[in-house]
């Protein structure tokens, strides 16, 4: 039996209806890649259905570990662009209250601080 949550994986092995092994692994919460989570959940469904051998499961886990996430520069740029659009939606600058004036100016704290980091 395999059970996963955001910060841990719990595995129990049953042989002839009796528990013979149990293992708990901590998963750090530093970065969560939803593609990996989805792949691991799909693998656990196949394991639970008995469609995967231990060797195939081990190979699948290695493929899941190899899934690459977004680069830090891409994440920073996405955060800056998202912050600017929130400023535009709320018609506010970085330090002003929403709908202060009819004119929209996006001098967003996040955008101004992050653009030199991403090389824009």
PDB file of N, CA and C in Angstrom:
ATOM      1  N   UNK A   1       0.843  -1.160   0.000  1.00  0.00           N
ATOM      2  CA  UNK A   1       0.000   0.000   0.000  1.00  0.00           C
ATOM      3  C   UNK A   1       0.898   1.237   0.000  1.00  0.00           C
ATOM      4  N   UNK A   2       0.547   2.216  -0.808  1.00  0.00           N
ATOM      5  CA  UNK A   2       1.309   3.443  -0.922  1.00  0.00           C
ATOM      6  C   UNK A   2       0.395   4.620  -0.658  1.00  0.00           C
ATOM      7  N   UNK A   3       0.825   5.523   0.244  1.00  0.00           N
ATOM      8  CA  UNK A   3       0.047   6.705   0.583  1.00  0.00           C
ATOM      9  C   UNK A   3       0.982   7.894   0.535  1.00  0.00           C
ATOM     10  N   UNK A   4       0.620   8.932  -0.223  1.00  0.00           N
ATOM     11  CA  UNK A   4       1.475  10.108  -0.319  1.00  0.00           C
ATOM     12  C   UNK A   4       0.718  11.348   0.118  1.00  0.00           C
ATOM     13  N   UNK A   5       1.446  12.247   0.783  1.00  0.00           N
ATOM     14  CA  UNK A   5       0.940  13.574   1.103  1.00  0.00           C
ATOM     15  C   UNK A   5       2.034  14.552   0.687  1.00  0.00           C
ATOM     16  N   UNK A   6       1.792  15.833   0.872  1.00  0.00           N
ATOM     17  CA  UNK A   6       2.724  16.846   0.381  1.00  0.00           C
ATOM     18  C   UNK A   6       4.121  16.705   0.978  1.00  0.00           C
ATOM     19  N   UNK A   7       4.242  16.269   2.212  1.00  0.00           N
ATOM     20  CA  UNK A   7       5.559  16.209   2.840  1.00  0.00           C
ATOM     21  C   UNK A   7       5.970  14.808   3.277  1.00  0.00           C
ATOM     22  N   UNK A   8       5.342  13.767   2.737  1.00  0.00           N
ATOM     23  CA  UNK A   8       5.742  12.424   3.125  1.00  0.00           C
ATOM     24  C   UNK A   8       5.179  11.344   2.234  1.00  0.00           C
ATOM     25  N   UNK A   9       5.859  10.209   2.244  1.00  0.00           N
ATOM     26  CA  UNK A   9       5.420   9.021   1.518  1.00  0.00           C
ATOM     27  C   UNK A   9       5.410   7.875   2.520  1.00  0.00           C
ATOM     28  N   UNK A  10       4.298   7.160   2.605  1.00  0.00           N
ATOM     29  CA  UNK A  10       4.136   6.042   3.517  1.00  0.00           C
ATOM     30  C   UNK A  10       3.920   4.780   2.684  1.00  0.00           C
ATOM     31  N   UNK A  11       4.736   3.758   2.912  1.00  0.00           N
ATOM     32  CA  UNK A  11       4.653   2.528   2.128  1.00  0.00           C
ATOM     33  C   UNK A  11       4.558   1.344   3.080  1.00  0.00           C
ATOM     34  N   UNK A  12       3.600   0.465   2.815  1.00  0.00           N
ATOM     35  CA  UNK A  12       3.457  -0.777   3.571  1.00  0.00           C
ATOM     36  C   UNK A  12       3.416  -1.930   2.581  1.00  0.00           C
ATOM     37  N   UNK A  13       4.127  -2.991   2.890  1.00  0.00           N
ATOM     38  CA  UNK A  13       4.124  -4.177   2.034  1.00  0.00           C
ATOM     39  C   UNK A  13       3.409  -5.310   2.763  1.00  0.00           C
ATOM     40  N   UNK A  14       2.483  -5.936   2.068  1.00  0.00           N
ATOM     41  CA  UNK A  14       1.742  -7.067   2.622  1.00  0.00           C
ATOM     42  C   UNK A  14       2.106  -8.327   1.846  1.00  0.00           C
ATOM     43  N   UNK A  15       2.400  -9.391   2.582  1.00  0.00           N
ATOM     44  CA  UNK A  15       2.664 -10.690   1.981  1.00  0.00           C
ATOM     45  C   UNK A  15       1.723 -11.688   2.634  1.00  0.00           C
ATOM     46  N   UNK A  16       0.901 -12.337   1.830  1.00  0.00           N
ATOM     47  CA  UNK A  16      -0.093 -13.295   2.312  1.00  0.00           C
ATOM     48  C   UNK A  16      -1.001 -12.686   3.380  1.00  0.00           C
ATOM     49  N   UNK A  17      -1.344 -11.394   3.175  1.00  0.00           N
ATOM     50  CA  UNK A  17      -2.264 -10.734   4.087  1.00  0.00           C
ATOM     51  C   UNK A  17      -1.642 -10.244   5.378  1.00  0.00           C
ATOM     52  N   UNK A  18      -0.329 -10.418   5.555  1.00  0.00           N
ATOM     53  CA  UNK A  18       0.336  -9.968   6.771  1.00  0.00           C
ATOM     54  C   UNK A  18       1.349  -8.886   6.413  1.00  0.00           C
ATOM     55  N   UNK A  19       1.439  -7.881   7.272  1.00  0.00           N
ATOM     56  CA  UNK A  19       2.363  -6.789   7.021  1.00  0.00           C
ATOM     57  C   UNK A  19       3.788  -7.260   7.284  1.00  0.00           C
ATOM     58  N   UNK A  20       4.658  -7.106   6.272  1.00  0.00           N
ATOM     59  CA  UNK A  20       6.039  -7.547   6.461  1.00  0.00           C
ATOM     60  C   UNK A  20       7.019  -6.387   6.442  1.00  0.00           C
ATOM     61  N   UNK A  21       6.622  -5.235   5.913  1.00  0.00           N
ATOM     62  CA  UNK A  21       7.518  -4.081   5.889  1.00  0.00           C
ATOM     63  C   UNK A  21       6.710  -2.799   5.846  1.00  0.00           C
ATOM     64  N   UNK A  22       7.238  -1.784   6.489  1.00  0.00           N
ATOM     65  CA  UNK A  22       6.604  -0.474   6.483  1.00  0.00           C
ATOM     66  C   UNK A  22       7.716   0.570   6.476  1.00  0.00           C
ATOM     67  N   UNK A  23       7.562   1.577   5.624  1.00  0.00           N
ATOM     68  CA  UNK A  23       8.593   2.599   5.538  1.00  0.00           C
ATOM     69  C   UNK A  23       7.940   3.963   5.356  1.00  0.00           C
ATOM     70  N   UNK A  24       8.505   4.969   6.019  1.00  0.00           N
ATOM     71  CA  UNK A  24       8.031   6.342   5.924  1.00  0.00           C
ATOM     72  C   UNK A  24       9.200   7.192   5.456  1.00  0.00           C
ATOM     73  N   UNK A  25       8.968   8.011   4.423  1.00  0.00           N
ATOM     74  CA  UNK A  25      10.010   8.911   3.918  1.00  0.00           C
ATOM     75  C   UNK A  25       9.517  10.340   3.975  1.00  0.00           C
ATOM     76  N   UNK A  26      10.356  11.213   4.505  1.00  0.00           N
ATOM     77  CA  UNK A  26      10.040  12.640   4.552  1.00  0.00           C
ATOM     78  C   UNK A  26      10.378  13.268   3.202  1.00  0.00           C
ATOM     79  N   UNK A  27       9.489  14.114   2.710  1.00  0.00           N
ATOM     80  CA  UNK A  27       9.710  14.833   1.463  1.00  0.00           C
ATOM     81  C   UNK A  27       9.776  16.316   1.818  1.00  0.00           C
ATOM     82  N   UNK A  28      10.931  16.967   1.583  1.00  0.00           N
ATOM     83  CA  UNK A  28      11.040  18.388   1.929  1.00  0.00           C
ATOM     84  C   UNK A  28      10.039  19.228   1.139  1.00  0.00           C
ATOM     85  N   UNK A  29       9.539  20.283   1.762  1.00  0.00           N
ATOM     86  CA  UNK A  29       8.551  21.150   1.123  1.00  0.00           C
ATOM     87  C   UNK A  29       9.177  22.338   0.409  1.00  0.00           C
ATOM     88  N   UNK A  30      10.451  22.262   0.089  1.00  0.00           N
ATOM     89  CA  UNK A  30      11.096  23.403  -0.547  1.00  0.00           C
ATOM     90  C   UNK A  30      10.496  23.721  -1.906  1.00  0.00           C
ATOM     91  N   UNK A  31      10.265  22.721  -2.720  1.00  0.00           N
ATOM     92  CA  UNK A  31       9.652  22.984  -4.016  1.00  0.00           C
ATOM     93  C   UNK A  31       8.720  21.828  -4.357  1.00  0.00           C
ATOM     94  N   UNK A  32       7.524  22.181  -4.753  1.00  0.00           N
ATOM     95  CA  UNK A  32       6.551  21.163  -5.131  1.00  0.00           C
ATOM     96  C   UNK A  32       6.308  21.291  -6.622  1.00  0.00           C
ATOM     97  N   UNK A  33       6.591  20.243  -7.340  1.00  0.00           N
ATOM     98  CA  UNK A  33       6.382  20.208  -8.783  1.00  0.00           C
ATOM     99  C   UNK A  33       5.135  19.364  -9.023  1.00  0.00           C
ATOM    100  N   UNK A  34       4.053  20.017  -9.427  1.00  0.00           N
ATOM    101  CA  UNK A  34       2.786  19.310  -9.555  1.00  0.00           C
ATOM    102  C   UNK A  34       2.824  18.231 -10.628  1.00  0.00           C
ATOM    103  N   UNK A  35       3.707  18.358 -11.604  1.00  0.00           N
ATOM    104  CA  UNK A  35       3.870  17.299 -12.600  1.00  0.00           C
ATOM    105  C   UNK A  35       4.386  16.021 -11.950  1.00  0.00           C
ATOM    106  N   UNK A  36       5.327  16.179 -11.004  1.00  0.00           N
ATOM    107  CA  UNK A  36       5.839  15.009 -10.274  1.00  0.00           C
ATOM    108  C   UNK A  36       4.764  14.405  -9.378  1.00  0.00           C
ATOM    109  N   UNK A  37       4.001  15.265  -8.715  1.00  0.00           N
ATOM    110  CA  UNK A  37       2.936  14.784  -7.835  1.00  0.00           C
ATOM    111  C   UNK A  37       1.926  13.977  -8.643  1.00  0.00           C
ATOM    112  N   UNK A  38       1.540  14.509  -9.798  1.00  0.00           N
ATOM    113  CA  UNK A  38       0.567  13.819 -10.652  1.00  0.00           C
ATOM    114  C   UNK A  38       1.126  12.484 -11.135  1.00  0.00           C
ATOM    115  N   UNK A  39       2.397  12.466 -11.531  1.00  0.00           N
ATOM    116  CA  UNK A  39       3.013  11.227 -12.003  1.00  0.00           C
ATOM    117  C   UNK A  39       3.106  10.189 -10.880  1.00  0.00           C
ATOM    118  N   UNK A  40       3.444  10.636  -9.674  1.00  0.00           N
ATOM    119  CA  UNK A  40       3.532   9.716  -8.540  1.00  0.00           C
ATOM    120  C   UNK A  40       2.160   9.178  -8.161  1.00  0.00           C
ATOM    121  N   UNK A  41       1.139  10.028  -8.218  1.00  0.00           N
ATOM    122  CA  UNK A  41      -0.219   9.554  -7.930  1.00  0.00           C
ATOM    123  C   UNK A  41      -0.670   8.526  -8.965  1.00  0.00           C
ATOM    124  N   UNK A  42      -0.355   8.775 -10.222  1.00  0.00           N
ATOM    125  CA  UNK A  42      -0.701   7.818 -11.284  1.00  0.00           C
ATOM    126  C   UNK A  42       0.015   6.490 -11.051  1.00  0.00           C
ATOM    127  N   UNK A  43       1.300   6.555 -10.686  1.00  0.00           N
ATOM    128  CA  UNK A  43       2.057   5.342 -10.389  1.00  0.00           C
ATOM    129  C   UNK A  43       1.438   4.600  -9.208  1.00  0.00           C
ATOM    130  N   UNK A  44       1.033   5.327  -8.172  1.00  0.00           N
ATOM    131  CA  UNK A  44       0.449   4.659  -7.004  1.00  0.00           C
ATOM    132  C   UNK A  44      -0.862   3.967  -7.358  1.00  0.00           C
ATOM    133  N   UNK A  45      -1.625   4.553  -8.268  1.00  0.00           N
ATOM    134  CA  UNK A  45      -2.859   3.888  -8.708  1.00  0.00           C
ATOM    135  C   UNK A  45      -2.538   2.581  -9.434  1.00  0.00           C
ATOM    136  N   UNK A  46      -1.501   2.589 -10.266  1.00  0.00           N
ATOM    137  CA  UNK A  46      -1.110   1.372 -10.978  1.00  0.00           C
ATOM    138  C   UNK A  46      -0.562   0.315 -10.014  1.00  0.00           C
ATOM    139  N   UNK A  47       0.186   0.764  -9.008  1.00  0.00           N
ATOM    140  CA  UNK A  47       0.707  -0.175  -8.008  1.00  0.00           C
ATOM    141  C   UNK A  47      -0.443  -0.796  -7.230  1.00  0.00           C
ATOM    142  N   UNK A  48      -1.399   0.030  -6.806  1.00  0.00           N
ATOM    143  CA  UNK A  48      -2.550  -0.472  -6.044  1.00  0.00           C
ATOM    144  C   UNK A  48      -3.376  -1.460  -6.847  1.00  0.00           C
ATOM    145  N   UNK A  49      -3.433  -1.262  -8.169  1.00  0.00           N
ATOM    146  CA  UNK A  49      -4.197  -2.164  -9.033  1.00  0.00           C
ATOM    147  C   UNK A  49      -3.408  -3.428  -9.370  1.00  0.00           C
ATOM    148  N   UNK A  50      -2.149  -3.494  -8.935  1.00  0.00           N
ATOM    149  CA  UNK A  50      -1.324  -4.666  -9.200  1.00  0.00           C
ATOM    150  C   UNK A  50      -0.821  -4.742 -10.629  1.00  0.00           C
ATOM    151  N   UNK A  51      -0.777  -3.623 -11.314  1.00  0.00           N
ATOM    152  CA  UNK A  51      -0.372  -3.601 -12.719  1.00  0.00           C
ATOM    153  C   UNK A  51       1.125  -3.378 -12.912  1.00  0.00           C
ATOM    154  N   UNK A  52       1.863  -3.133 -11.822  1.00  0.00           N
ATOM    155  CA  UNK A  52       3.269  -2.775 -11.920  1.00  0.00           C
ATOM    156  C   UNK A  52       4.096  -3.691 -11.024  1.00  0.00           C
ATOM    157  N   UNK A  53       5.202  -4.196 -11.560  1.00  0.00           N
ATOM    158  CA  UNK A  53       6.127  -4.992 -10.757  1.00  0.00           C
ATOM    159  C   UNK A  53       7.030  -4.051  -9.956  1.00  0.00           C
ATOM    160  N   UNK A  54       7.693  -4.547  -8.917  1.00  0.00           N
ATOM    161  CA  UNK A  54       8.605  -3.675  -8.152  1.00  0.00           C
ATOM    162  C   UNK A  54       9.701  -3.050  -9.020  1.00  0.00           C
ATOM    163  N   UNK A  55      10.222  -3.797  -9.982  1.00  0.00           N
ATOM    164  CA  UNK A  55      11.267  -3.262 -10.858  1.00  0.00           C
ATOM    165  C   UNK A  55      10.719  -2.141 -11.735  1.00  0.00           C
ATOM    166  N   UNK A  56       9.510  -2.326 -12.255  1.00  0.00           N
ATOM    167  CA  UNK A  56       8.885  -1.287 -13.070  1.00  0.00           C
ATOM    168  C   UNK A  56       8.592  -0.046 -12.221  1.00  0.00           C
ATOM    169  N   UNK A  57       8.164  -0.263 -10.987  1.00  0.00           N
ATOM    170  CA  UNK A  57       7.891   0.862 -10.090  1.00  0.00           C
ATOM    171  C   UNK A  57       9.169   1.635  -9.800  1.00  0.00           C
ATOM    172  N   UNK A  58      10.263   0.925  -9.568  1.00  0.00           N
ATOM    173  CA  UNK A  58      11.551   1.575  -9.307  1.00  0.00           C
ATOM    174  C   UNK A  58      11.983   2.409 -10.507  1.00  0.00           C
ATOM    175  N   UNK A  59      11.834   1.851 -11.716  1.00  0.00           N
ATOM    176  CA  UNK A  59      12.175   2.597 -12.932  1.00  0.00           C
ATOM    177  C   UNK A  59      11.289   3.826 -13.099  1.00  0.00           C
ATOM    178  N   UNK A  60       9.999   3.667 -12.793  1.00  0.00           N
ATOM    179  CA  UNK A  60       9.066   4.783 -12.911  1.00  0.00           C
ATOM    180  C   UNK A  60       9.419   5.893 -11.922  1.00  0.00           C
ATOM    181  N   UNK A  61       9.819   5.523 -10.708  1.00  0.00           N
ATOM    182  CA  UNK A  61      10.210   6.525  -9.717  1.00  0.00           C
ATOM    183  C   UNK A  61      11.434   7.289 -10.200  1.00  0.00           C
ATOM    184  N   UNK A  62      12.388   6.604 -10.801  1.00  0.00           N
ATOM    185  CA  UNK A  62      13.569   7.287 -11.347  1.00  0.00           C
ATOM    186  C   UNK A  62      13.180   8.259 -12.458  1.00  0.00           C
ATOM    187  N   UNK A  63      12.233   7.870 -13.314  1.00  0.00           N
ATOM    188  CA  UNK A  63      11.754   8.783 -14.367  1.00  0.00           C
ATOM    189  C   UNK A  63      11.034   9.976 -13.753  1.00  0.00           C
ATOM    190  N   UNK A  64      10.273   9.738 -12.695  1.00  0.00           N
ATOM    191  CA  UNK A  64       9.573  10.835 -12.021  1.00  0.00           C
ATOM    192  C   UNK A  64      10.573  11.804 -11.396  1.00  0.00           C
ATOM    193  N   UNK A  65      11.622  11.271 -10.782  1.00  0.00           N
ATOM    194  CA  UNK A  65      12.649  12.134 -10.185  1.00  0.00           C
ATOM    195  C   UNK A  65      13.348  12.994 -11.236  1.00  0.00           C
ATOM    196  N   UNK A  66      13.416  12.512 -12.459  1.00  0.00           N
ATOM    197  CA  UNK A  66      14.113  13.232 -13.532  1.00  0.00           C
ATOM    198  C   UNK A  66      13.263  14.342 -14.154  1.00  0.00           C
ATOM    199  N   UNK A  67      11.977  14.432 -13.798  1.00  0.00           N
ATOM    200  CA  UNK A  67      11.129  15.492 -14.347  1.00  0.00           C
ATOM    201  C   UNK A  67      11.651  16.831 -13.841  1.00  0.00           C
ATOM    202  N   UNK A  68      11.934  17.731 -14.759  1.00  0.00           N
ATOM    203  CA  UNK A  68      12.525  19.019 -14.403  1.00  0.00           C
ATOM    204  C   UNK A  68      11.442  20.059 -14.156  1.00  0.00           C
ATOM    205  N   UNK A  69      11.704  20.932 -13.239  1.00  0.00           N
ATOM    206  CA  UNK A  69      10.789  22.031 -12.937  1.00  0.00           C
ATOM    207  C   UNK A  69      11.180  23.284 -13.698  1.00  0.00           C
ATOM    208  N   UNK A  70      10.452  24.342 -13.460  1.00  0.00           N
ATOM    209  CA  UNK A  70      10.747  25.618 -14.095  1.00  0.00           C
ATOM    210  C   UNK A  70      12.031  26.199 -13.504  1.00  0.00           C
ATOM    211  N   UNK A  71      12.767  26.908 -14.339  1.00  0.00           N
ATOM    212  CA  UNK A  71      13.997  27.550 -13.867  1.00  0.00           C
ATOM    213  C   UNK A  71      13.645  28.689 -12.918  1.00  0.00           C
ATOM    214  N   UNK A  72      14.531  29.004 -11.974  1.00  0.00           N
ATOM    215  CA  UNK A  72      14.261  30.098 -11.035  1.00  0.00           C
ATOM    216  C   UNK A  72      13.990  31.431 -11.745  1.00  0.00           C
ATOM    217  N   UNK A  73      14.700  31.699 -12.836  1.00  0.00           N
ATOM    218  CA  UNK A  73      14.475  32.945 -13.563  1.00  0.00           C
ATOM    219  C   UNK A  73      13.056  33.003 -14.119  1.00  0.00           C
ATOM    220  N   UNK A  74      12.555  31.870 -14.601  1.00  0.00           N
ATOM    221  CA  UNK A  74      11.187  31.824 -15.127  1.00  0.00           C
ATOM    222  C   UNK A  74      10.173  32.058 -14.018  1.00  0.00           C
ATOM    223  N   UNK A  75      10.423  31.487 -12.844  1.00  0.00           N
ATOM    224  CA  UNK A  75       9.515  31.679 -11.722  1.00  0.00           C
ATOM    225  C   UNK A  75       9.502  33.131 -11.261  1.00  0.00           C
ATOM    226  N   UNK A  76      10.671  33.755 -11.224  1.00  0.00           N
ATOM    227  CA  UNK A  76      10.755  35.164 -10.815  1.00  0.00           C
ATOM    228  C   UNK A  76      10.034  36.048 -11.822  1.00  0.00           C
ATOM    229  N   UNK A  77      10.258  35.789 -13.100  1.00  0.00           N
ATOM    230  CA  UNK A  77       9.591  36.574 -14.139  1.00  0.00           C
ATOM    231  C   UNK A  77       8.074  36.396 -14.062  1.00  0.00           C
ATOM    232  N   UNK A  78       7.615  35.162 -13.857  1.00  0.00           N
ATOM    233  CA  UNK A  78       6.176  34.907 -13.744  1.00  0.00           C
ATOM    234  C   UNK A  78       5.592  35.638 -12.535  1.00  0.00           C
ATOM    235  N   UNK A  79       6.303  35.664 -11.416  1.00  0.00           N
ATOM    236  CA  UNK A  79       5.831  36.369 -10.230  1.00  0.00           C
ATOM    237  C   UNK A  79       5.755  37.872 -10.492  1.00  0.00           C
ATOM    238  N   UNK A  80       6.759  38.418 -11.182  1.00  0.00           N
ATOM    239  CA  UNK A  80       6.757  39.854 -11.487  1.00  0.00           C
ATOM    240  C   UNK A  80       5.614  40.216 -12.422  1.00  0.00           C
ATOM    241  N   UNK A  81       5.410  39.432 -13.472  1.00  0.00           N
ATOM    242  CA  UNK A  81       4.331  39.707 -14.418  1.00  0.00           C
ATOM    243  C   UNK A  81       2.974  39.565 -13.724  1.00  0.00           C
ATOM    244  N   UNK A  82       2.806  38.518 -12.933  1.00  0.00           N
ATOM    245  CA  UNK A  82       1.554  38.332 -12.199  1.00  0.00           C
ATOM    246  C   UNK A  82       1.283  39.489 -11.253  1.00  0.00           C
ATOM    247  N   UNK A  83       2.313  39.985 -10.571  1.00  0.00           N
ATOM    248  CA  UNK A  83       2.138  41.119  -9.664  1.00  0.00           C
ATOM    249  C   UNK A  83       1.707  42.366 -10.416  1.00  0.00           C
ATOM    250  N   UNK A  84       2.311  42.592 -11.581  1.00  0.00           N
ATOM    251  CA  UNK A  84       1.915  43.756 -12.384  1.00  0.00           C
ATOM    252  C   UNK A  84       0.458  43.652 -12.818  1.00  0.00           C
ATOM    253  N   UNK A  85       0.039  42.475 -13.232  1.00  0.00           N
ATOM    254  CA  UNK A  85      -1.346  42.331 -13.661  1.00  0.00           C
ATOM    255  C   UNK A  85      -2.325  42.502 -12.496  1.00  0.00           C
ATOM    256  N   UNK A  86      -1.942  42.062 -11.312  1.00  0.00           N
ATOM    257  CA  UNK A  86      -2.806  42.330 -10.155  1.00  0.00           C
ATOM    258  C   UNK A  86      -2.907  43.830  -9.905  1.00  0.00           C
ATOM    259  N   UNK A  87      -1.783  44.546 -10.078  1.00  0.00           N
ATOM    260  CA  UNK A  87      -1.828  46.006  -9.926  1.00  0.00           C
ATOM    261  C   UNK A  87      -2.757  46.618 -10.960  1.00  0.00           C
ATOM    262  N   UNK A  88      -2.686  46.139 -12.191  1.00  0.00           N
ATOM    263  CA  UNK A  88      -3.564  46.661 -13.234  1.00  0.00           C
ATOM    264  C   UNK A  88      -5.024  46.357 -12.944  1.00  0.00           C
ATOM    265  N   UNK A  89      -5.304  45.139 -12.487  1.00  0.00           N
ATOM    266  CA  UNK A  89      -6.683  44.749 -12.190  1.00  0.00           C
ATOM    267  C   UNK A  89      -7.251  45.600 -11.068  1.00  0.00           C
ATOM    268  N   UNK A  90      -6.441  45.854 -10.052  1.00  0.00           N
ATOM    269  CA  UNK A  90      -6.910  46.625  -8.902  1.00  0.00           C
ATOM    270  C   UNK A  90      -6.760  48.132  -9.110  1.00  0.00           C
ATOM    271  N   UNK A  91      -6.176  48.534 -10.235  1.00  0.00           N
ATOM    272  CA  UNK A  91      -5.948  49.955 -10.537  1.00  0.00           C
ATOM    273  C   UNK A  91      -5.180  50.631  -9.419  1.00  0.00           C
ATOM    274  N   UNK A  92      -4.088  49.999  -9.009  1.00  0.00           N
ATOM    275  CA  UNK A  92      -3.304  50.533  -7.901  1.00  0.00           C
ATOM    276  C   UNK A  92      -1.826  50.370  -8.187  1.00  0.00           C
ATOM    277  N   UNK A  93      -1.030  51.215  -7.576  1.00  0.00           N
ATOM    278  CA  UNK A  93       0.415  51.053  -7.596  1.00  0.00           C
ATOM    279  C   UNK A  93       0.819  50.141  -6.452  1.00  0.00           C
ATOM    280  N   UNK A  94       2.090  50.024  -6.220  1.00  0.00           N
ATOM    281  CA  UNK A  94       2.590  49.125  -5.190  1.00  0.00           C
ATOM    282  C   UNK A  94       2.203  49.517  -3.782  1.00  0.00           C
ATOM    283  N   UNK A  95       2.118  50.836  -3.514  1.00  0.00           N
ATOM    284  CA  UNK A  95       1.837  51.268  -2.153  1.00  0.00           C
ATOM    285  C   UNK A  95       0.478  51.956  -2.005  1.00  0.00           C
ATOM    286  N   UNK A  96      -0.302  52.024  -3.049  1.00  0.00           N
ATOM    287  CA  UNK A  96      -1.549  52.777  -2.985  1.00  0.00           C
ATOM    288  C   UNK A  96      -2.739  51.855  -2.800  1.00  0.00           C
ATOM    289  N   UNK A  97      -3.838  52.421  -2.372  1.00  0.00           N
ATOM    290  CA  UNK A  97      -5.068  51.655  -2.187  1.00  0.00           C
ATOM    291  C   UNK A  97      -5.753  51.441  -3.537  1.00  0.00           C
ATOM    292  N   UNK A  98      -6.541  50.373  -3.684  1.00  0.00           N
ATOM    293  CA  UNK A  98      -7.251  50.133  -4.939  1.00  0.00           C
ATOM    294  C   UNK A  98      -8.185  51.293  -5.292  1.00  0.00           C
ATOM    295  N   UNK A  99      -8.324  51.550  -6.583  1.00  0.00           N
ATOM    296  CA  UNK A  99      -9.234  52.560  -7.146  1.00  0.00           C
ATOM    297  C   UNK A  99      -8.989  53.960  -6.579  1.00  0.00           C
ATOM    298  N   UNK A 100      -7.737  54.290  -6.382  1.00  0.00           N
ATOM    299  CA  UNK A 100      -7.412  55.627  -5.882  1.00  0.00           C
ATOM    300  C   UNK A 100      -7.682  56.680  -6.944  1.00  0.00           C
ATOM    301  N   UNK A 101      -7.422  56.320  -8.188  1.00  0.00           N
ATOM    302  CA  UNK A 101      -7.701  57.248  -9.282  1.00  0.00           C
ATOM    303  C   UNK A 101      -8.153  56.447 -10.479  1.00  0.00           C
ATOM    304  N   UNK A 102      -8.712  57.140 -11.460  1.00  0.00           N
ATOM    305  CA  UNK A 102      -9.176  56.460 -12.666  1.00  0.00           C
ATOM    306  C   UNK A 102      -7.999  56.027 -13.534  1.00  0.00           C
ATOM    307  N   UNK A 103      -6.879  56.722 -13.419  1.00  0.00           N
ATOM    308  CA  UNK A 103      -5.713  56.403 -14.221  1.00  0.00           C
ATOM    309  C   UNK A 103      -4.960  55.225 -13.589  1.00  0.00           C
ATOM    310  N   UNK A 104      -4.549  54.277 -14.408  1.00  0.00           N
ATOM    311  CA  UNK A 104      -3.868  53.089 -13.913  1.00  0.00           C
ATOM    312  C   UNK A 104      -2.371  53.257 -14.109  1.00  0.00           C
ATOM    313  N   UNK A 105      -1.633  53.130 -13.021  1.00  0.00           N
ATOM    314  CA  UNK A 105      -0.178  53.138 -13.142  1.00  0.00           C
ATOM    315  C   UNK A 105       0.350  51.955 -12.354  1.00  0.00           C
ATOM    316  N   UNK A 106       1.142  51.149 -13.000  1.00  0.00           N
ATOM    317  CA  UNK A 106       1.660  49.957 -12.338  1.00  0.00           C
ATOM    318  C   UNK A 106       3.117  50.172 -11.984  1.00  0.00           C
ATOM    319  N   UNK A 107       3.363  50.827 -10.890  1.00  0.00           N
ATOM    320  CA  UNK A 107       4.702  50.932 -10.352  1.00  0.00           C
ATOM    321  C   UNK A 107       4.704  50.003  -9.149  1.00  0.00           C
ATOM    322  N   UNK A 108       4.704  48.755  -9.465  1.00  0.00           N
ATOM    323  CA  UNK A 108       4.524  47.697  -8.490  1.00  0.00           C
ATOM    324  C   UNK A 108       5.854  47.407  -7.791  1.00  0.00           C
ATOM    325  N   UNK A 109       5.834  47.228  -6.494  1.00  0.00           N
ATOM    326  CA  UNK A 109       7.045  46.960  -5.722  1.00  0.00           C
ATOM    327  C   UNK A 109       7.744  45.715  -6.262  1.00  0.00           C
ATOM    328  N   UNK A 110       7.007  44.642  -6.496  1.00  0.00           N
ATOM    329  CA  UNK A 110       7.604  43.396  -6.961  1.00  0.00           C
ATOM    330  C   UNK A 110       8.244  43.588  -8.329  1.00  0.00           C
ATOM    331  N   UNK A 111       7.568  44.283  -9.237  1.00  0.00           N
ATOM    332  CA  UNK A 111       8.095  44.467 -10.594  1.00  0.00           C
ATOM    333  C   UNK A 111       9.382  45.266 -10.568  1.00  0.00           C
ATOM    334  N   UNK A 112       9.392  46.366  -9.841  1.00  0.00           N
ATOM    335  CA  UNK A 112      10.558  47.231  -9.801  1.00  0.00           C
ATOM    336  C   UNK A 112      11.741  46.506  -9.186  1.00  0.00           C
ATOM    337  N   UNK A 113      11.488  45.706  -8.149  1.00  0.00           N
ATOM    338  CA  UNK A 113      12.578  45.020  -7.462  1.00  0.00           C
ATOM    339  C   UNK A 113      13.076  43.797  -8.249  1.00  0.00           C
ATOM    340  N   UNK A 114      12.207  43.106  -8.966  1.00  0.00           N
ATOM    341  CA  UNK A 114      12.590  41.844  -9.582  1.00  0.00           C
ATOM    342  C   UNK A 114      13.106  41.968 -11.015  1.00  0.00           C
ATOM    343  N   UNK A 115      12.761  43.026 -11.724  1.00  0.00           N
ATOM    344  CA  UNK A 115      13.171  43.106 -13.123  1.00  0.00           C
ATOM    345  C   UNK A 115      14.706  43.116 -13.286  1.00  0.00           C
ATOM    346  N   UNK A 116      15.488  43.797 -12.428  1.00  0.00           N
ATOM    347  CA  UNK A 116      16.941  43.702 -12.600  1.00  0.00           C
ATOM    348  C   UNK A 116      17.474  42.274 -12.388  1.00  0.00           C
ATOM    349  N   UNK A 117      16.798  41.483 -11.572  1.00  0.00           N
ATOM    350  CA  UNK A 117      17.243  40.119 -11.294  1.00  0.00           C
ATOM    351  C   UNK A 117      17.115  39.234 -12.526  1.00  0.00           C
ATOM    352  N   UNK A 118      16.025  39.388 -13.271  1.00  0.00           N
ATOM    353  CA  UNK A 118      15.798  38.521 -14.430  1.00  0.00           C
ATOM    354  C   UNK A 118      16.432  39.079 -15.693  1.00  0.00           C
ATOM    355  N   UNK A 119      17.087  40.222 -15.599  1.00  0.00           N
ATOM    356  CA  UNK A 119      17.811  40.764 -16.737  1.00  0.00           C
ATOM    357  C   UNK A 119      16.937  41.516 -17.725  1.00  0.00           C
ATOM    358  N   UNK A 120      15.772  41.965 -17.300  1.00  0.00           N
ATOM    359  CA  UNK A 120      14.885  42.694 -18.211  1.00  0.00           C
ATOM    360  C   UNK A 120      15.294  44.145 -18.300  1.00  0.00           C
TER     361      UNK A 120
END
